[in-house]
């Protein structure tokens, strides 16, 4: 795991989202395995419960993870990821 020094110029939720995304890309969190829970994210990065939820929701929106009720949030295999649909307008 990497040591994390928050950048005060950027929102914490974006910084933590990027860290978790990198961990998925480098295989730290393998496909079909769970990513850390809201509580674990909260403890590791010193963010609020709401911020941890926002991070996982954003990763799900981007297609990196998929929540499974009562089981946790799991890494989506690369070949199954779909980028968010672009807004028309």
Protein backbone atom coordinates (compact mmCIF):
# COMPACT_ATOMS: atom_id res chain seq x y z
CA UNK A 1 0.00 0.00 0.00
CA UNK A 2 1.19 3.51 -0.68
CA UNK A 3 1.75 6.20 1.88
CA UNK A 4 -0.74 8.96 1.32
CA UNK A 5 -0.08 12.64 1.83
CA UNK A 6 -3.28 14.51 0.99
CA UNK A 7 -2.90 17.40 -1.42
CA UNK A 8 -4.77 20.32 0.21
CA UNK A 9 -5.41 21.81 -3.24
CA UNK A 10 -7.56 18.86 -4.40
CA UNK A 11 -10.67 17.25 -2.89
CA UNK A 12 -9.81 14.19 -0.80
CA UNK A 13 -12.48 12.07 -2.46
CA UNK A 14 -10.85 12.55 -5.86
CA UNK A 15 -7.41 11.70 -4.50
CA UNK A 16 -8.62 8.52 -2.79
CA UNK A 17 -10.64 7.51 -5.86
CA UNK A 18 -7.45 7.78 -7.94
CA UNK A 19 -5.51 5.66 -5.42
CA UNK A 20 -8.11 2.90 -5.44
CA UNK A 21 -8.33 3.04 -9.25
CA UNK A 22 -4.51 2.62 -9.44
CA UNK A 23 -4.70 -0.33 -7.06
CA UNK A 24 -7.24 -1.97 -9.36
CA UNK A 25 -5.07 -1.26 -12.42
CA UNK A 26 -1.91 -2.66 -10.80
CA UNK A 27 -3.66 -5.79 -9.53
CA UNK A 28 -3.57 -4.96 -5.82
CA UNK A 29 -7.34 -5.49 -5.96
CA UNK A 30 -7.84 -8.34 -8.41
CA UNK A 31 -10.88 -8.81 -10.64
CA UNK A 32 -13.95 -10.19 -8.86
CA UNK A 33 -12.41 -9.55 -5.43
CA UNK A 34 -13.76 -7.02 -2.94
CA UNK A 35 -12.36 -3.54 -2.60
CA UNK A 36 -12.07 -2.13 0.92
CA UNK A 37 -15.31 -1.45 2.75
CA UNK A 38 -16.57 2.01 3.58
CA UNK A 39 -15.20 1.57 7.10
CA UNK A 40 -11.80 0.44 5.85
CA UNK A 41 -11.54 3.39 3.42
CA UNK A 42 -12.57 5.70 6.25
CA UNK A 43 -9.86 4.34 8.53
CA UNK A 44 -7.06 4.15 5.96
CA UNK A 45 -7.55 7.60 4.47
CA UNK A 46 -9.10 9.53 7.32
CA UNK A 47 -12.23 10.48 5.40
CA UNK A 48 -15.83 10.56 6.57
CA UNK A 49 -18.29 7.73 6.01
CA UNK A 50 -20.14 9.88 3.45
CA UNK A 51 -16.90 10.57 1.57
CA UNK A 52 -16.07 6.85 1.51
CA UNK A 53 -19.55 6.14 0.10
CA UNK A 54 -19.05 8.82 -2.54
CA UNK A 55 -15.73 7.24 -3.57
CA UNK A 56 -17.29 3.80 -4.05
CA UNK A 57 -20.31 5.26 -5.88
CA UNK A 58 -18.02 7.14 -8.24
CA UNK A 59 -15.89 4.07 -8.95
CA UNK A 60 -19.10 2.13 -9.68
CA UNK A 61 -20.32 4.91 -11.99
CA UNK A 62 -17.01 4.73 -13.87
CA UNK A 63 -17.37 0.95 -14.19
CA UNK A 64 -14.40 -0.05 -12.00
CA UNK A 65 -16.42 -1.75 -9.27
CA UNK A 66 -19.87 -3.22 -8.78
CA UNK A 67 -21.72 -3.30 -5.46
CA UNK A 68 -23.31 -6.58 -4.42
CA UNK A 69 -25.89 -6.10 -1.67
CA UNK A 70 -24.96 -7.73 1.63
CA UNK A 71 -21.63 -8.86 0.15
CA UNK A 72 -19.57 -5.74 -0.55
CA UNK A 73 -18.19 -3.96 -3.58
CA UNK A 74 -16.21 -5.98 -6.09
CA UNK A 75 -13.70 -5.20 -8.85
CA UNK A 76 -15.17 -5.52 -12.33
CA UNK A 77 -12.88 -7.47 -14.70
CA UNK A 78 -11.35 -5.23 -17.36
CA UNK A 79 -13.19 -6.88 -20.25
CA UNK A 80 -16.54 -6.22 -18.51
CA UNK A 81 -15.93 -2.53 -17.70
CA UNK A 82 -18.01 0.02 -19.47
CA UNK A 83 -17.12 3.70 -19.33
CA UNK A 84 -19.86 6.08 -18.21
CA UNK A 85 -22.09 7.16 -21.05
CA UNK A 86 -21.21 10.57 -22.34
CA UNK A 87 -23.82 13.24 -21.96
CA UNK A 88 -25.27 14.56 -25.15
CA UNK A 89 -25.86 18.23 -25.47
